[in-house]
């Protein structure tokens, strides 16, 4: 495929819809509508484990896009190319916890059929005995509503399904990370 044309059908403050036209190998034209971030297109999802208890940090966050609460992993947008630093910042902002980055995934795509953005999955470890991680308080933006949960690995699937029964949605990150790999 060869890209012939690209133009914004809509461009807002944070996202836009690109209209892309490609020429296929057989000469046919293919038209795509792509949701894209107007600013930094790199996001991060954090898998944060408490040590020594081996509980994982999950959040319950209200998402206006679906007008509902979602059980998810902490996540955010990177403001620089230093993904480890940005993930640590986002974890602290959303949960109040300070963690040590263990691993950063390569850049991966989350839904290449619809979105043009990329992400990193970042694994962190939180020393729950460190005084900095006692009596924590997140520093949320005024538009963020987040509740933090510390759940043992063996209980995450049942926790998520109970929240689903109560009306919450389950994010793909939680499902991929804990329901499929138990």
Protein backbone atom coordinates (compact mmCIF):
# COMPACT_ATOMS: atom_id res chain seq x y z
CA UNK A 1 0.00 0.00 0.00
CA UNK A 2 1.11 3.52 -0.77
CA UNK A 3 -0.30 6.58 0.99
CA UNK A 4 -1.72 9.05 -1.52
CA UNK A 5 -3.34 11.68 0.70
CA UNK A 6 -3.90 12.60 4.35
CA UNK A 7 -6.05 15.40 5.74
CA UNK A 8 -7.85 16.20 8.96
CA UNK A 9 -11.60 15.72 8.83
CA UNK A 10 -11.72 17.03 12.40
CA UNK A 11 -9.03 18.45 14.66
CA UNK A 12 -9.74 19.26 18.30
CA UNK A 13 -7.53 20.24 21.22
CA UNK A 14 -6.49 16.63 22.02
CA UNK A 15 -7.63 14.34 19.20
CA UNK A 16 -8.43 14.48 15.55
CA UNK A 17 -9.78 12.30 12.79
CA UNK A 18 -7.47 11.88 9.85
CA UNK A 19 -8.87 10.88 6.49
CA UNK A 20 -6.22 8.80 4.73
CA UNK A 21 -6.26 7.52 1.17
CA UNK A 22 -4.03 4.67 0.04
CA UNK A 23 -3.41 3.05 -3.29
CA UNK A 24 -3.52 -0.74 -2.97
CA UNK A 25 -1.11 -3.00 -4.84
CA UNK A 26 -3.85 -3.77 -7.38
CA UNK A 27 -4.45 -0.05 -8.07
CA UNK A 28 -7.69 0.28 -6.05
CA UNK A 29 -8.04 3.17 -3.62
CA UNK A 30 -8.65 2.49 0.06
CA UNK A 31 -10.00 5.16 2.43
CA UNK A 32 -9.39 5.09 6.17
CA UNK A 33 -10.60 7.22 9.05
CA UNK A 34 -8.01 7.27 11.82
CA UNK A 35 -8.34 8.65 15.34
CA UNK A 36 -5.10 10.40 16.21
CA UNK A 37 -3.74 12.44 19.08
CA UNK A 38 -3.07 16.04 18.10
CA UNK A 39 -0.30 16.36 20.69
CA UNK A 40 2.10 13.70 21.99
CA UNK A 41 0.90 10.32 20.66
CA UNK A 42 2.76 8.15 23.20
CA UNK A 43 0.88 6.74 26.17
CA UNK A 44 1.97 4.48 29.02
CA UNK A 45 0.25 1.80 31.03
CA UNK A 46 1.79 0.86 34.35
CA UNK A 47 1.74 -2.56 35.97
CA UNK A 48 2.74 -1.71 39.54
CA UNK A 49 3.31 -4.39 42.17
CA UNK A 50 3.58 -3.71 45.88
CA UNK A 51 6.46 -5.40 47.69
CA UNK A 52 6.53 -7.41 49.90
CA UNK A 53 2.76 -8.13 49.76
CA UNK A 54 2.64 -8.77 45.98
CA UNK A 55 -0.55 -6.77 45.61
CA UNK A 56 -1.11 -4.92 42.35
CA UNK A 57 -2.28 -1.35 41.90
CA UNK A 58 -5.56 -1.02 40.03
CA UNK A 59 -7.63 2.08 39.62
CA UNK A 60 -11.29 2.78 39.17
CA UNK A 61 -11.57 5.86 36.99
CA UNK A 62 -14.53 7.70 35.54
CA UNK A 63 -14.18 8.00 31.77
CA UNK A 64 -16.46 10.55 30.09
CA UNK A 65 -15.92 8.87 26.70
CA UNK A 66 -18.05 5.93 27.80
CA UNK A 67 -19.87 7.76 30.61
CA UNK A 68 -18.92 5.09 33.10
CA UNK A 69 -16.30 3.90 35.56
CA UNK A 70 -13.50 1.62 34.36
CA UNK A 71 -11.33 -0.80 36.32
CA UNK A 72 -7.91 -0.17 34.84
CA UNK A 73 -4.19 0.00 35.30
CA UNK A 74 -2.70 3.42 36.00
CA UNK A 75 -1.91 5.09 32.68
CA UNK A 76 -1.09 8.42 31.13
CA UNK A 77 0.53 10.36 28.35
CA UNK A 78 4.27 10.81 28.10
CA UNK A 79 5.47 14.41 28.12
CA UNK A 80 9.02 13.45 27.05
CA UNK A 81 11.01 10.60 25.52
CA UNK A 82 12.06 9.36 29.00
CA UNK A 83 9.32 6.75 29.38
CA UNK A 84 10.57 5.42 32.72
CA UNK A 85 10.57 8.91 34.25
CA UNK A 86 7.16 9.71 32.78
CA UNK A 87 5.64 6.44 34.03
CA UNK A 88 6.94 7.10 37.54
CA UNK A 89 5.45 10.59 37.44
CA UNK A 90 2.06 9.35 36.24
CA UNK A 91 1.95 6.55 38.83
CA UNK A 92 2.60 9.05 41.62
CA UNK A 93 0.09 11.57 40.25
CA UNK A 94 -2.72 9.00 39.89
CA UNK A 95 -2.08 6.86 42.97
CA UNK A 96 0.28 8.72 45.30
CA UNK A 97 2.72 5.78 45.23
CA UNK A 98 6.37 6.06 44.24
CA UNK A 99 7.76 3.07 42.39
CA UNK A 100 10.97 1.80 40.89
CA UNK A 101 10.82 1.03 37.17
CA UNK A 102 11.82 -2.57 36.44
CA UNK A 103 11.04 -2.79 32.74
CA UNK A 104 9.74 -0.73 29.84
CA UNK A 105 8.24 -2.46 26.83
CA UNK A 106 9.18 -1.47 23.32
CA UNK A 107 6.79 0.94 21.64
CA UNK A 108 3.62 -1.03 20.84
CA UNK A 109 0.28 -0.20 19.26
CA UNK A 110 -2.97 -0.67 21.14
CA UNK A 111 -5.61 -0.70 18.39
CA UNK A 112 -4.00 -0.24 14.98
CA UNK A 113 -7.35 -0.59 13.21
CA UNK A 114 -8.63 2.67 14.67
CA UNK A 115 -5.92 4.63 16.51
CA UNK A 116 -2.56 5.94 15.31
CA UNK A 117 -1.10 6.29 18.81
CA UNK A 118 1.54 4.11 20.41
CA UNK A 119 2.15 3.06 23.98
CA UNK A 120 4.62 1.48 26.39
CA UNK A 121 3.81 -0.95 29.17
CA UNK A 122 5.93 -0.17 32.21
CA UNK A 123 6.49 -2.59 35.07
CA UNK A 124 7.14 -0.97 38.45
CA UNK A 125 7.79 -2.18 41.96
CA UNK A 126 6.57 -0.20 44.98
CA UNK A 127 8.29 -0.68 48.33
CA UNK A 128 5.28 -0.50 50.61
CA UNK A 129 7.54 -0.32 53.69
CA UNK A 130 9.23 2.86 52.46
CA UNK A 131 7.89 5.87 54.41
CA UNK A 132 7.27 7.69 51.10
CA UNK A 133 4.60 5.08 50.33
CA UNK A 134 2.77 5.45 53.63
CA UNK A 135 -0.42 7.55 53.80
CA UNK A 136 -0.16 8.48 50.14
CA UNK A 137 -2.35 10.96 48.35
CA UNK A 138 -2.66 11.32 44.56
CA UNK A 139 -2.37 14.72 42.88
CA UNK A 140 -5.24 14.46 40.45
CA UNK A 141 -6.24 16.99 37.83
CA UNK A 142 -9.63 18.60 38.43
CA UNK A 143 -11.18 16.47 35.68
CA UNK A 144 -9.87 13.18 37.11
CA UNK A 145 -11.88 10.97 39.42
CA UNK A 146 -9.76 7.99 40.50
CA UNK A 147 -10.08 5.43 43.26
CA UNK A 148 -7.03 3.23 44.02
CA UNK A 149 -7.20 -0.49 44.87
CA UNK A 150 -4.40 -2.81 46.02
CA UNK A 151 -5.41 -6.32 45.01
CA UNK A 152 -3.52 -9.63 45.36
CA UNK A 153 -2.75 -11.20 41.98
CA UNK A 154 -4.96 -14.21 42.71
CA UNK A 155 -7.96 -11.94 43.41
CA UNK A 156 -7.75 -9.54 40.46
CA UNK A 157 -10.01 -11.48 38.10
CA UNK A 158 -12.75 -11.96 40.70
CA UNK A 159 -12.41 -8.31 41.78
CA UNK A 160 -12.77 -7.07 38.20
CA UNK A 161 -15.76 -9.32 37.53
CA UNK A 162 -17.47 -8.19 40.76
CA UNK A 163 -16.97 -4.57 39.71
CA UNK A 164 -18.40 -5.47 36.28
CA UNK A 165 -21.49 -6.91 38.01
CA UNK A 166 -21.85 -3.57 39.83
CA UNK A 167 -21.84 -1.74 36.48
CA UNK A 168 -18.18 -0.80 35.96
CA UNK A 169 -16.33 -1.65 32.76
CA UNK A 170 -13.05 -3.58 32.65
CA UNK A 171 -10.13 -2.16 30.67
CA UNK A 172 -8.34 -4.29 28.13
CA UNK A 173 -5.06 -3.86 30.05
CA UNK A 174 -6.47 -5.46 33.19
CA UNK A 175 -8.03 -8.28 31.20
CA UNK A 176 -4.90 -9.01 29.16
CA UNK A 177 -2.56 -8.75 32.13
CA UNK A 178 -4.47 -10.70 34.73
CA UNK A 179 -7.43 -12.63 33.33
CA UNK A 180 -5.66 -14.31 30.43
CA UNK A 181 -2.38 -14.98 32.22
CA UNK A 182 -3.54 -16.57 35.44
